[in-house]
Amino acid sequence: MQIGVIGLGRMGANIVRRLMKNGHECVVFNRTPDKVKELEKEGAIGAKDIADLAKKLSKPRCAWVMVPAGQATQDMVDELAKYFEAGDIIIDGGNSMYKEDAVRAEQVGKKGIQYLDVGTSGGVWGLERGYCLMIGGPEVAVKYLDPIFATLAPGVGEIDRTPGAEKLGTAEKGYLHCGPSGAGHFVKMVHNGIEYGIMQAYAEGFDILKNAGNLDQKEHFDFQLESVAELWRRGSVVGSWLLDLSARALTENPSLSNFTGSVQDSGEGRWTVQAAIEEGVSANVLAASLFTRFRSRQDHSFGEKLLSAMRNQFGGHVEQPALKS
C-alpha cells in the first residue's frame, strides 16, 4: 500500500522504515532535506514539498502527519488540504489536543477529505517493537488503512498474548478504532497521563531506596539500584516496560549523573488533568505527578533524574545537561 509521511523525526522516520520493511511504498517529506535524502537511500520516494508529495501519491491519497502538536500540525493540515481532494485521507499521528481534531475534521471535510487522529505510542523503539495505535475518525477510512495499521502495530511474537484476547478484535493486535474524531487522541492523552503516574511511582520508590543509608538505625542499607530494578523485572507484579527502561538507564549510569532531574511535560498530562476536572473525576496521582514535573524545574532529586532517564530511554527525549560543579 502507498502512503505519504510528513515529519521524519525520531518516530516519523522509523514509521517509514517499518512500513517499507513490510512492503509498503512511502512518499516522504521533511522541512530538513537531509532526512528525506537519508530515507531515499533506504527506498523511500522523496518529495521536495507538499505539492510534490500530493502529486506523487496515487488516489485515494493518504498522508500521515508526524509533526509537533499545535500550530505546526494545523499548518500542515492546511497545506495538505490545498492539494487533496474528496476521498483522500489525512492522518494526524502526533500528540494533538483531542478538541482540535473535531475542528480539523470539519474543516477538511468540507472538501470531502477524511481525517483520522491516531494516537501513537512506541517512542524510539517502535521500529523494532511496533506501535500501539489509538484511532479516531470515520470507520470507512479506518478500514481502508487497515493494512497500514496492521503493519505498524506489534505483530505476532512482539507482544504477549492474553488468553481470550482474540474476542477484542484488532485491540489484541495493538491497534483500535476508538470512536469518532478526537477519540484516538483522547485515549492517547489519558494513556500519557497514566504514564506520568507510573513513572512517578517508580521514581519515588527508587528515590527511597537511594536514600536508605539515611535511616535512623544501626544498620544502613546501600542498595545497588540497577540490581534491584533487574530483580523486579523477573516475576514481580510491578514489572513493566518502563521498569525495563529504568533498569537499562541505571545499568548504563547508576548515579544518573548525566541527568539534572529537570523533567519536561509534553502537554498530554496537563490535558488529562483538565479533562478530569471537566468530568468531575478524582485523579490525585495523575495530578500530583504532573505538579512534580513542574517542581522538578526548580530543584532536583534522584527520583527526578530517573524520570528524565526513563523519558530518554523510551522517547529519546533529551533534558538539559547536568551542570558541572
C-alpha atoms as a PDB file:
ATOM      1  CA  MET A   1       0.000   0.000   0.000  1.00  0.00           C
ATOM      2  CA  GLN A   2       1.176   3.555  -0.660  1.00  0.00           C
ATOM      3  CA  ILE A   3       1.212   6.338   1.932  1.00  0.00           C
ATOM      4  CA  GLY A   4       2.833   9.740   2.403  1.00  0.00           C
ATOM      5  CA  VAL A   5       4.656  10.510   5.647  1.00  0.00           C
ATOM      6  CA  ILE A   6       5.374  14.092   6.672  1.00  0.00           C
ATOM      7  CA  GLY A   7       7.786  14.732   9.529  1.00  0.00           C
ATOM      8  CA  LEU A   8      10.818  12.457   9.697  1.00  0.00           C
ATOM      9  CA  GLY A   9      11.880  12.879  13.303  1.00  0.00           C
ATOM     10  CA  ARG A  10      12.619  10.108  15.802  1.00  0.00           C
ATOM     11  CA  MET A  11       9.238   8.428  15.310  1.00  0.00           C
ATOM     12  CA  GLY A  12       8.304   9.535  11.805  1.00  0.00           C
ATOM     13  CA  ALA A  13      11.437   8.108  10.195  1.00  0.00           C
ATOM     14  CA  ASN A  14      11.024   4.774  11.961  1.00  0.00           C
ATOM     15  CA  ILE A  15       7.371   4.590  10.940  1.00  0.00           C
ATOM     16  CA  VAL A  16       8.573   4.868   7.339  1.00  0.00           C
ATOM     17  CA  ARG A  17      11.216   2.188   7.895  1.00  0.00           C
ATOM     18  CA  ARG A  18       8.748  -0.248   9.464  1.00  0.00           C
ATOM     19  CA  LEU A  19       6.280   0.280   6.630  1.00  0.00           C
ATOM     20  CA  MET A  20       8.905  -0.164   3.893  1.00  0.00           C
ATOM     21  CA  LYS A  21      10.323  -3.221   5.628  1.00  0.00           C
ATOM     22  CA  ASN A  22       6.927  -4.831   5.188  1.00  0.00           C
ATOM     23  CA  GLY A  23       6.425  -3.926   1.535  1.00  0.00           C
ATOM     24  CA  HIS A  24       4.587  -0.579   1.670  1.00  0.00           C
ATOM     25  CA  GLU A  25       5.605   2.348  -0.537  1.00  0.00           C
ATOM     26  CA  CYS A  26       6.319   5.613   1.283  1.00  0.00           C
ATOM     27  CA  VAL A  27       6.477   9.107  -0.187  1.00  0.00           C
ATOM     28  CA  VAL A  28       8.246  11.303   2.371  1.00  0.00           C
ATOM     29  CA  PHE A  29       8.709  14.983   3.117  1.00  0.00           C
ATOM     30  CA  ASN A  30      10.537  16.873   5.845  1.00  0.00           C
ATOM     31  CA  ARG A  31      11.428  20.535   6.172  1.00  0.00           C
ATOM     32  CA  THR A  32      15.047  19.376   6.571  1.00  0.00           C
ATOM     33  CA  PRO A  33      16.019  17.867   3.188  1.00  0.00           C
ATOM     34  CA  ASP A  34      18.827  15.751   4.656  1.00  0.00           C
ATOM     35  CA  LYS A  35      16.297  13.474   6.363  1.00  0.00           C
ATOM     36  CA  VAL A  36      14.451  12.999   3.093  1.00  0.00           C
ATOM     37  CA  LYS A  37      17.698  12.066   1.327  1.00  0.00           C
ATOM     38  CA  GLU A  38      18.551   9.602   4.104  1.00  0.00           C
ATOM     39  CA  LEU A  39      15.289   7.717   3.643  1.00  0.00           C
ATOM     40  CA  GLU A  40      15.535   7.906  -0.143  1.00  0.00           C
ATOM     41  CA  LYS A  41      18.712   5.845   0.176  1.00  0.00           C
ATOM     42  CA  GLU A  42      16.677   3.268   2.092  1.00  0.00           C
ATOM     43  CA  GLY A  43      13.990   3.035  -0.597  1.00  0.00           C
ATOM     44  CA  ALA A  44      11.537   5.865   0.112  1.00  0.00           C
ATOM     45  CA  ILE A  45      10.313   8.290  -2.563  1.00  0.00           C
ATOM     46  CA  GLY A  46      11.331  11.808  -1.640  1.00  0.00           C
ATOM     47  CA  ALA A  47       9.187  14.909  -2.130  1.00  0.00           C
ATOM     48  CA  LYS A  48      10.501  18.466  -2.346  1.00  0.00           C
ATOM     49  CA  ASP A  49       7.333  19.999  -0.905  1.00  0.00           C
ATOM     50  CA  ILE A  50       3.695  19.160  -0.098  1.00  0.00           C
ATOM     51  CA  ALA A  51       2.548  19.817  -3.649  1.00  0.00           C
ATOM     52  CA  ASP A  52       5.150  17.363  -4.902  1.00  0.00           C
ATOM     53  CA  LEU A  53       4.117  14.800  -2.285  1.00  0.00           C
ATOM     54  CA  ALA A  54       0.460  15.067  -3.313  1.00  0.00           C
ATOM     55  CA  LYS A  55       1.442  14.677  -6.971  1.00  0.00           C
ATOM     56  CA  LYS A  56       3.433  11.504  -6.290  1.00  0.00           C
ATOM     57  CA  LEU A  57       0.630   9.815  -4.333  1.00  0.00           C
ATOM     58  CA  SER A  58      -1.984   7.687  -6.093  1.00  0.00           C
ATOM     59  CA  LYS A  59      -5.685   8.331  -5.397  1.00  0.00           C
ATOM     60  CA  PRO A  60      -7.165   7.959  -2.891  1.00  0.00           C
ATOM     61  CA  ARG A  61      -4.174   9.743  -1.393  1.00  0.00           C
ATOM     62  CA  CYS A  62      -3.205   9.158   2.242  1.00  0.00           C
ATOM     63  CA  ALA A  63      -0.758  11.281   4.220  1.00  0.00           C
ATOM     64  CA  TRP A  64       0.446  10.610   7.773  1.00  0.00           C
ATOM     65  CA  VAL A  65       1.424  13.851   9.554  1.00  0.00           C
ATOM     66  CA  MET A  66       4.028  13.375  12.289  1.00  0.00           C
ATOM     67  CA  VAL A  67       4.994  16.896  13.363  1.00  0.00           C
ATOM     68  CA  PRO A  68       4.759  18.736  16.728  1.00  0.00           C
ATOM     69  CA  ALA A  69       1.258  19.337  18.080  1.00  0.00           C
ATOM     70  CA  GLY A  70      -0.354  22.747  17.785  1.00  0.00           C
ATOM     71  CA  GLN A  71       0.320  25.254  15.040  1.00  0.00           C
ATOM     72  CA  ALA A  72       2.818  23.045  13.195  1.00  0.00           C
ATOM     73  CA  THR A  73       0.173  20.342  12.756  1.00  0.00           C
ATOM     74  CA  GLN A  74      -2.506  22.868  11.835  1.00  0.00           C
ATOM     75  CA  ASP A  75      -0.263  24.424   9.176  1.00  0.00           C
ATOM     76  CA  MET A  76       0.487  21.023   7.675  1.00  0.00           C
ATOM     77  CA  VAL A  77      -3.190  20.020   7.585  1.00  0.00           C
ATOM     78  CA  ASP A  78      -3.997  23.338   5.907  1.00  0.00           C
ATOM     79  CA  GLU A  79      -1.259  22.791   3.334  1.00  0.00           C
ATOM     80  CA  LEU A  80      -2.368  19.243   2.546  1.00  0.00           C
ATOM     81  CA  ALA A  81      -5.979  20.375   2.194  1.00  0.00           C
ATOM     82  CA  LYS A  82      -4.906  22.683  -0.662  1.00  0.00           C
ATOM     83  CA  TYR A  83      -3.866  19.705  -2.785  1.00  0.00           C
ATOM     84  CA  PHE A  84      -6.019  16.838  -1.513  1.00  0.00           C
ATOM     85  CA  GLU A  85      -9.488  16.116  -2.884  1.00  0.00           C
ATOM     86  CA  ALA A  86     -12.642  14.259  -1.909  1.00  0.00           C
ATOM     87  CA  GLY A  87     -11.861  10.690  -0.841  1.00  0.00           C
ATOM     88  CA  ASP A  88      -8.292  11.465   0.231  1.00  0.00           C
ATOM     89  CA  ILE A  89      -7.242  10.875   3.858  1.00  0.00           C
ATOM     90  CA  ILE A  90      -5.190  12.993   6.268  1.00  0.00           C
ATOM     91  CA  ILE A  91      -3.835  11.271   9.387  1.00  0.00           C
ATOM     92  CA  ASP A  92      -2.549  13.183  12.413  1.00  0.00           C
ATOM     93  CA  GLY A  93      -0.264  10.731  14.207  1.00  0.00           C
ATOM     94  CA  GLY A  94       1.143  13.271  16.659  1.00  0.00           C
ATOM     95  CA  ASN A  95       0.009  14.256  20.137  1.00  0.00           C
ATOM     96  CA  SER A  96      -2.648  16.836  19.267  1.00  0.00           C
ATOM     97  CA  MET A  97      -5.260  18.024  21.742  1.00  0.00           C
ATOM     98  CA  TYR A  98      -8.378  15.948  21.060  1.00  0.00           C
ATOM     99  CA  LYS A  99     -10.621  19.023  20.876  1.00  0.00           C
ATOM    100  CA  GLU A 100      -8.658  20.220  17.835  1.00  0.00           C
ATOM    101  CA  ASP A 101      -9.446  17.039  15.890  1.00  0.00           C
ATOM    102  CA  ALA A 102     -13.173  17.733  15.530  1.00  0.00           C
ATOM    103  CA  VAL A 103     -12.390  21.218  14.212  1.00  0.00           C
ATOM    104  CA  ARG A 104      -9.870  19.926  11.671  1.00  0.00           C
ATOM    105  CA  ALA A 105     -12.118  17.045  10.611  1.00  0.00           C
ATOM    106  CA  GLU A 106     -14.927  19.515   9.904  1.00  0.00           C
ATOM    107  CA  GLN A 107     -12.529  21.878   8.148  1.00  0.00           C
ATOM    108  CA  VAL A 108     -11.158  19.346   5.645  1.00  0.00           C
ATOM    109  CA  GLY A 109     -14.486  17.516   5.490  1.00  0.00           C
ATOM    110  CA  LYS A 110     -15.925  20.450   3.543  1.00  0.00           C
ATOM    111  CA  LYS A 111     -13.797  19.230   0.627  1.00  0.00           C
ATOM    112  CA  GLY A 112     -14.740  15.590   1.221  1.00  0.00           C
ATOM    113  CA  ILE A 113     -11.340  14.802   2.741  1.00  0.00           C
ATOM    114  CA  GLN A 114     -11.397  12.259   5.566  1.00  0.00           C
ATOM    115  CA  TYR A 115      -9.442  12.978   8.747  1.00  0.00           C
ATOM    116  CA  LEU A 116      -8.092  10.471  11.253  1.00  0.00           C
ATOM    117  CA  ASP A 117      -6.465  11.180  14.614  1.00  0.00           C
ATOM    118  CA  VAL A 118      -4.095   8.375  15.557  1.00  0.00           C
ATOM    119  CA  GLY A 119      -2.516   8.429  18.992  1.00  0.00           C
ATOM    120  CA  THR A 120       0.805   6.659  18.502  1.00  0.00           C
ATOM    121  CA  SER A 121       2.807   5.101  21.335  1.00  0.00           C
ATOM    122  CA  GLY A 122       6.108   3.293  21.000  1.00  0.00           C
ATOM    123  CA  GLY A 123       8.739   6.002  21.016  1.00  0.00           C
ATOM    124  CA  VAL A 124      12.138   5.302  19.515  1.00  0.00           C
ATOM    125  CA  TRP A 125      11.558   1.563  19.939  1.00  0.00           C
ATOM    126  CA  GLY A 126       8.617   1.394  17.524  1.00  0.00           C
ATOM    127  CA  LEU A 127      10.684   0.186  14.562  1.00  0.00           C
ATOM    128  CA  GLU A 128      11.638  -2.918  16.496  1.00  0.00           C
ATOM    129  CA  ARG A 129       8.637  -3.430  18.793  1.00  0.00           C
ATOM    130  CA  GLY A 130       5.798  -1.911  16.796  1.00  0.00           C
ATOM    131  CA  TYR A 131       3.461   0.944  17.742  1.00  0.00           C
ATOM    132  CA  CYS A 132       0.315   0.940  19.839  1.00  0.00           C
ATOM    133  CA  LEU A 133      -2.248   2.843  17.753  1.00  0.00           C
ATOM    134  CA  MET A 134      -5.343   4.590  19.150  1.00  0.00           C
ATOM    135  CA  ILE A 135      -7.512   5.664  16.207  1.00  0.00           C
ATOM    136  CA  GLY A 136     -10.341   8.177  15.892  1.00  0.00           C
ATOM    137  CA  GLY A 137     -12.366   9.149  12.825  1.00  0.00           C
ATOM    138  CA  PRO A 138     -14.674   7.693  10.156  1.00  0.00           C
ATOM    139  CA  GLU A 139     -14.835   3.918  10.036  1.00  0.00           C
ATOM    140  CA  VAL A 140     -14.569   3.751   6.234  1.00  0.00           C
ATOM    141  CA  ALA A 141     -11.133   5.422   6.340  1.00  0.00           C
ATOM    142  CA  VAL A 142     -10.000   3.238   9.233  1.00  0.00           C
ATOM    143  CA  LYS A 143     -10.930   0.069   7.330  1.00  0.00           C
ATOM    144  CA  TYR A 144      -9.206   1.285   4.165  1.00  0.00           C
ATOM    145  CA  LEU A 145      -5.965   1.886   6.078  1.00  0.00           C
ATOM    146  CA  ASP A 146      -6.095  -1.403   7.998  1.00  0.00           C
ATOM    147  CA  PRO A 147      -3.015  -2.773   6.147  1.00  0.00           C
ATOM    148  CA  ILE A 148      -1.017   0.256   7.343  1.00  0.00           C
ATOM    149  CA  PHE A 149      -2.192  -0.040  10.946  1.00  0.00           C
ATOM    150  CA  ALA A 150      -1.641  -3.805  10.994  1.00  0.00           C
ATOM    151  CA  THR A 151       1.951  -3.298   9.827  1.00  0.00           C
ATOM    152  CA  LEU A 152       2.785  -0.560  12.307  1.00  0.00           C
ATOM    153  CA  ALA A 153       1.241  -2.331  15.310  1.00  0.00           C
ATOM    154  CA  PRO A 154       3.140  -5.121  17.084  1.00  0.00           C
ATOM    155  CA  GLY A 155       2.982  -8.418  15.210  1.00  0.00           C
ATOM    156  CA  VAL A 156       2.715 -11.961  16.488  1.00  0.00           C
ATOM    157  CA  GLY A 157       5.632 -12.604  18.822  1.00  0.00           C
ATOM    158  CA  GLU A 158       6.187  -8.900  19.514  1.00  0.00           C
ATOM    159  CA  ILE A 159       3.567  -8.737  22.264  1.00  0.00           C
ATOM    160  CA  ASP A 160       2.352 -11.104  24.961  1.00  0.00           C
ATOM    161  CA  ARG A 161      -0.812 -12.996  24.087  1.00  0.00           C
ATOM    162  CA  THR A 162      -3.616 -12.699  26.624  1.00  0.00           C
ATOM    163  CA  PRO A 163      -5.970 -15.721  26.781  1.00  0.00           C
ATOM    164  CA  GLY A 164      -9.272 -14.825  25.148  1.00  0.00           C
ATOM    165  CA  ALA A 165      -7.981 -11.520  23.776  1.00  0.00           C
ATOM    166  CA  GLU A 166      -8.944 -12.510  20.243  1.00  0.00           C
ATOM    167  CA  LYS A 167     -12.508 -11.536  21.194  1.00  0.00           C
ATOM    168  CA  LEU A 168     -11.319  -7.918  21.305  1.00  0.00           C
ATOM    169  CA  GLY A 169     -10.616  -7.761  17.574  1.00  0.00           C
ATOM    170  CA  THR A 170      -7.738  -5.543  16.455  1.00  0.00           C
ATOM    171  CA  ALA A 171      -7.117  -4.346  20.033  1.00  0.00           C
ATOM    172  CA  GLU A 172      -5.462  -7.710  20.615  1.00  0.00           C
ATOM    173  CA  LYS A 173      -3.125  -6.866  17.734  1.00  0.00           C
ATOM    174  CA  GLY A 174      -2.126  -3.465  19.089  1.00  0.00           C
ATOM    175  CA  TYR A 175      -4.488  -1.062  17.294  1.00  0.00           C
ATOM    176  CA  LEU A 176      -8.071   0.014  17.883  1.00  0.00           C
ATOM    177  CA  HIS A 177     -10.700   2.239  16.280  1.00  0.00           C
ATOM    178  CA  CYS A 178     -11.692   4.091  19.458  1.00  0.00           C
ATOM    179  CA  GLY A 179     -14.548   6.159  18.033  1.00  0.00           C
ATOM    180  CA  PRO A 180     -15.259   9.380  16.093  1.00  0.00           C
ATOM    181  CA  SER A 181     -12.908  12.316  15.522  1.00  0.00           C
ATOM    182  CA  GLY A 182     -10.917  13.076  18.669  1.00  0.00           C
ATOM    183  CA  ALA A 183     -11.434   9.653  20.267  1.00  0.00           C
ATOM    184  CA  GLY A 184      -7.988   8.400  19.306  1.00  0.00           C
ATOM    185  CA  HIS A 185      -6.161  11.374  20.746  1.00  0.00           C
ATOM    186  CA  PHE A 186      -8.387  11.347  23.854  1.00  0.00           C
ATOM    187  CA  VAL A 187      -7.371   7.746  24.588  1.00  0.00           C
ATOM    188  CA  LYS A 188      -3.703   8.625  23.896  1.00  0.00           C
ATOM    189  CA  MET A 189      -3.997  11.645  26.194  1.00  0.00           C
ATOM    190  CA  VAL A 190      -5.212   9.505  29.088  1.00  0.00           C
ATOM    191  CA  HIS A 191      -2.563   6.885  28.217  1.00  0.00           C
ATOM    192  CA  ASN A 192       0.134   9.509  28.666  1.00  0.00           C
ATOM    193  CA  GLY A 193      -1.473  10.808  31.851  1.00  0.00           C
ATOM    194  CA  ILE A 194      -1.292   7.293  33.302  1.00  0.00           C
ATOM    195  CA  GLU A 195       2.301   7.076  32.100  1.00  0.00           C
ATOM    196  CA  TYR A 196       3.116  10.148  34.205  1.00  0.00           C
ATOM    197  CA  GLY A 197       1.708   8.411  37.290  1.00  0.00           C
ATOM    198  CA  ILE A 198       3.537   5.118  36.716  1.00  0.00           C
ATOM    199  CA  MET A 199       6.825   6.885  36.075  1.00  0.00           C
ATOM    200  CA  GLN A 200       6.372   8.957  39.222  1.00  0.00           C
ATOM    201  CA  ALA A 201       5.743   5.835  41.327  1.00  0.00           C
ATOM    202  CA  TYR A 202       8.956   4.227  40.095  1.00  0.00           C
ATOM    203  CA  ALA A 203      10.878   7.468  40.598  1.00  0.00           C
ATOM    204  CA  GLU A 204       9.711   7.878  44.194  1.00  0.00           C
ATOM    205  CA  GLY A 205      10.346   4.221  45.030  1.00  0.00           C
ATOM    206  CA  PHE A 206      13.908   4.290  43.743  1.00  0.00           C
ATOM    207  CA  ASP A 207      14.479   7.603  45.499  1.00  0.00           C
ATOM    208  CA  ILE A 208      13.555   5.898  48.797  1.00  0.00           C
ATOM    209  CA  LEU A 209      15.952   3.044  48.012  1.00  0.00           C
ATOM    210  CA  LYS A 210      18.681   5.531  47.075  1.00  0.00           C
ATOM    211  CA  ASN A 211      18.372   7.297  50.442  1.00  0.00           C
ATOM    212  CA  ALA A 212      18.102   4.143  52.586  1.00  0.00           C
ATOM    213  CA  GLY A 213      21.509   4.952  54.047  1.00  0.00           C
ATOM    214  CA  ASN A 214      19.903   7.851  55.899  1.00  0.00           C
ATOM    215  CA  LEU A 215      17.666   5.603  58.024  1.00  0.00           C
ATOM    216  CA  ASP A 216      17.841   6.272  61.762  1.00  0.00           C
ATOM    217  CA  GLN A 217      19.057   2.826  62.835  1.00  0.00           C
ATOM    218  CA  LYS A 218      22.273   0.925  63.448  1.00  0.00           C
ATOM    219  CA  GLU A 219      22.259  -0.869  60.109  1.00  0.00           C
ATOM    220  CA  HIS A 220      22.198   1.255  56.994  1.00  0.00           C
ATOM    221  CA  PHE A 221      21.306  -0.064  53.569  1.00  0.00           C
ATOM    222  CA  ASP A 222      23.346   0.614  50.450  1.00  0.00           C
ATOM    223  CA  PHE A 223      21.339  -0.878  47.602  1.00  0.00           C
ATOM    224  CA  GLN A 224      22.601  -1.423  44.072  1.00  0.00           C
ATOM    225  CA  LEU A 225      19.648   0.141  42.321  1.00  0.00           C
ATOM    226  CA  GLU A 226      20.416  -1.390  38.953  1.00  0.00           C
ATOM    227  CA  SER A 227      20.310  -4.856  40.566  1.00  0.00           C
ATOM    228  CA  VAL A 228      17.014  -4.152  42.325  1.00  0.00           C
ATOM    229  CA  ALA A 229      15.479  -2.933  39.065  1.00  0.00           C
ATOM    230  CA  GLU A 230      16.751  -6.023  37.268  1.00  0.00           C
ATOM    231  CA  LEU A 231      15.356  -8.227  40.043  1.00  0.00           C
ATOM    232  CA  TRP A 232      11.897  -6.664  39.847  1.00  0.00           C
ATOM    233  CA  ARG A 233      11.780  -7.329  36.097  1.00  0.00           C
ATOM    234  CA  ARG A 234      11.622 -11.057  36.855  1.00  0.00           C
ATOM    235  CA  GLY A 235       8.272 -12.247  38.179  1.00  0.00           C
ATOM    236  CA  SER A 236       7.354  -9.097  40.122  1.00  0.00           C
ATOM    237  CA  VAL A 237       3.840  -7.645  39.955  1.00  0.00           C
ATOM    238  CA  VAL A 238       5.380  -4.206  39.335  1.00  0.00           C
ATOM    239  CA  GLY A 239       7.136  -5.350  36.181  1.00  0.00           C
ATOM    240  CA  SER A 240       6.589  -3.234  33.052  1.00  0.00           C
ATOM    241  CA  TRP A 241       8.368  -1.828  30.028  1.00  0.00           C
ATOM    242  CA  LEU A 242       9.051   1.373  31.973  1.00  0.00           C
ATOM    243  CA  LEU A 243      10.781  -0.731  34.628  1.00  0.00           C
ATOM    244  CA  ASP A 244      12.792  -2.408  31.856  1.00  0.00           C
ATOM    245  CA  LEU A 245      13.908   1.029  30.678  1.00  0.00           C
ATOM    246  CA  SER A 246      14.681   2.112  34.250  1.00  0.00           C
ATOM    247  CA  ALA A 247      16.903  -0.925  34.686  1.00  0.00           C
ATOM    248  CA  ARG A 248      18.650  -0.099  31.422  1.00  0.00           C
ATOM    249  CA  ALA A 249      19.263   3.514  32.453  1.00  0.00           C
ATOM    250  CA  LEU A 250      20.549   2.548  35.909  1.00  0.00           C
ATOM    251  CA  THR A 251      22.875  -0.065  34.424  1.00  0.00           C
ATOM    252  CA  GLU A 252      24.288   2.485  31.979  1.00  0.00           C
ATOM    253  CA  ASN A 253      24.877   5.039  34.752  1.00  0.00           C
ATOM    254  CA  PRO A 254      23.889   4.039  38.343  1.00  0.00           C
ATOM    255  CA  SER A 255      24.254   7.604  39.647  1.00  0.00           C
ATOM    256  CA  LEU A 256      22.311   9.120  36.713  1.00  0.00           C
ATOM    257  CA  SER A 257      24.874  11.914  36.800  1.00  0.00           C
ATOM    258  CA  ASN A 258      24.149  12.729  33.160  1.00  0.00           C
ATOM    259  CA  PHE A 259      20.659  13.999  34.104  1.00  0.00           C
ATOM    260  CA  THR A 260      19.796  17.161  36.013  1.00  0.00           C
ATOM    261  CA  GLY A 261      16.393  15.945  37.185  1.00  0.00           C
ATOM    262  CA  SER A 262      14.570  18.747  35.362  1.00  0.00           C
ATOM    263  CA  VAL A 263      11.614  16.951  33.784  1.00  0.00           C
ATOM    264  CA  GLN A 264       9.553  18.391  30.941  1.00  0.00           C
ATOM    265  CA  ASP A 265       5.914  17.669  30.148  1.00  0.00           C
ATOM    266  CA  SER A 266       4.696  17.498  26.558  1.00  0.00           C
ATOM    267  CA  GLY A 267       1.068  18.521  27.080  1.00  0.00           C
ATOM    268  CA  GLU A 268      -0.916  15.312  27.429  1.00  0.00           C
ATOM    269  CA  GLY A 269      -0.529  15.187  31.210  1.00  0.00           C
ATOM    270  CA  ARG A 270      -1.988  18.678  31.542  1.00  0.00           C
ATOM    271  CA  TRP A 271      -4.857  17.838  29.199  1.00  0.00           C
ATOM    272  CA  THR A 272      -5.633  14.656  31.124  1.00  0.00           C
ATOM    273  CA  VAL A 273      -5.911  16.575  34.389  1.00  0.00           C
ATOM    274  CA  GLN A 274      -8.038  19.227  32.664  1.00  0.00           C
ATOM    275  CA  ALA A 275     -10.355  16.506  31.337  1.00  0.00           C
ATOM    276  CA  ALA A 276     -10.625  15.020  34.839  1.00  0.00           C
ATOM    277  CA  ILE A 277     -11.638  18.443  36.176  1.00  0.00           C
ATOM    278  CA  GLU A 278     -14.250  18.866  33.425  1.00  0.00           C
ATOM    279  CA  GLU A 279     -15.641  15.382  34.151  1.00  0.00           C
ATOM    280  CA  GLY A 280     -15.527  15.753  37.925  1.00  0.00           C
ATOM    281  CA  VAL A 281     -13.249  12.697  38.196  1.00  0.00           C
ATOM    282  CA  SER A 282     -10.751  12.374  41.054  1.00  0.00           C
ATOM    283  CA  ALA A 283      -7.251  11.940  39.592  1.00  0.00           C
ATOM    284  CA  ASN A 284      -4.989  12.571  42.578  1.00  0.00           C
ATOM    285  CA  VAL A 285      -1.999  10.517  41.378  1.00  0.00           C
ATOM    286  CA  LEU A 286      -2.007  11.901  37.841  1.00  0.00           C
ATOM    287  CA  ALA A 287      -2.333  15.494  39.053  1.00  0.00           C
ATOM    288  CA  ALA A 288       0.437  15.040  41.641  1.00  0.00           C
ATOM    289  CA  SER A 289       2.780  13.521  39.047  1.00  0.00           C
ATOM    290  CA  LEU A 290       2.187  16.494  36.746  1.00  0.00           C
ATOM    291  CA  PHE A 291       2.846  19.017  39.517  1.00  0.00           C
ATOM    292  CA  THR A 292       6.038  17.162  40.451  1.00  0.00           C
ATOM    293  CA  ARG A 293       7.322  17.783  36.946  1.00  0.00           C
ATOM    294  CA  PHE A 294       6.667  21.487  37.397  1.00  0.00           C
ATOM    295  CA  ARG A 295       8.541  21.492  40.708  1.00  0.00           C
ATOM    296  CA  SER A 296      11.448  19.500  39.239  1.00  0.00           C
ATOM    297  CA  ARG A 297      12.497  22.561  37.255  1.00  0.00           C
ATOM    298  CA  GLN A 298      13.409  24.314  40.496  1.00  0.00           C
ATOM    299  CA  ASP A 299      15.339  21.666  42.435  1.00  0.00           C
ATOM    300  CA  HIS A 300      16.134  18.055  41.708  1.00  0.00           C
ATOM    301  CA  SER A 301      16.043  14.691  43.444  1.00  0.00           C
ATOM    302  CA  PHE A 302      17.386  11.319  42.374  1.00  0.00           C
ATOM    303  CA  GLY A 303      13.821  10.296  41.564  1.00  0.00           C
ATOM    304  CA  GLU A 304      13.510  13.180  39.117  1.00  0.00           C
ATOM    305  CA  LYS A 305      16.757  12.128  37.455  1.00  0.00           C
ATOM    306  CA  LEU A 306      15.194   8.697  36.956  1.00  0.00           C
ATOM    307  CA  LEU A 307      12.129  10.349  35.386  1.00  0.00           C
ATOM    308  CA  SER A 308      14.465  12.094  32.931  1.00  0.00           C
ATOM    309  CA  ALA A 309      16.279   8.830  32.270  1.00  0.00           C
ATOM    310  CA  MET A 310      13.021   7.000  31.511  1.00  0.00           C
ATOM    311  CA  ARG A 311      11.887   9.723  29.081  1.00  0.00           C
ATOM    312  CA  ASN A 312      15.243   9.468  27.332  1.00  0.00           C
ATOM    313  CA  GLN A 313      15.049   5.682  27.144  1.00  0.00           C
ATOM    314  CA  PHE A 314      11.575   5.352  25.620  1.00  0.00           C
ATOM    315  CA  GLY A 315      11.327   8.510  23.572  1.00  0.00           C
ATOM    316  CA  GLY A 316      14.819   9.856  23.076  1.00  0.00           C
ATOM    317  CA  HIS A 317      13.821  12.991  24.968  1.00  0.00           C
ATOM    318  CA  VAL A 318      16.913  14.950  25.975  1.00  0.00           C
ATOM    319  CA  GLU A 319      16.639  17.164  29.030  1.00  0.00           C
ATOM    320  CA  GLN A 320      19.115  19.958  29.648  1.00  0.00           C
ATOM    321  CA  PRO A 321      22.594  18.572  30.532  1.00  0.00           C
ATOM    322  CA  ALA A 322      23.743  18.330  34.123  1.00  0.00           C
ATOM    323  CA  LEU A 323      25.604  21.378  35.412  1.00  0.00           C
ATOM    324  CA  LYS A 324      29.204  20.786  36.424  1.00  0.00           C
ATOM    325  CA  SER A 325      30.144  21.903  39.916  1.00  0.00           C
END
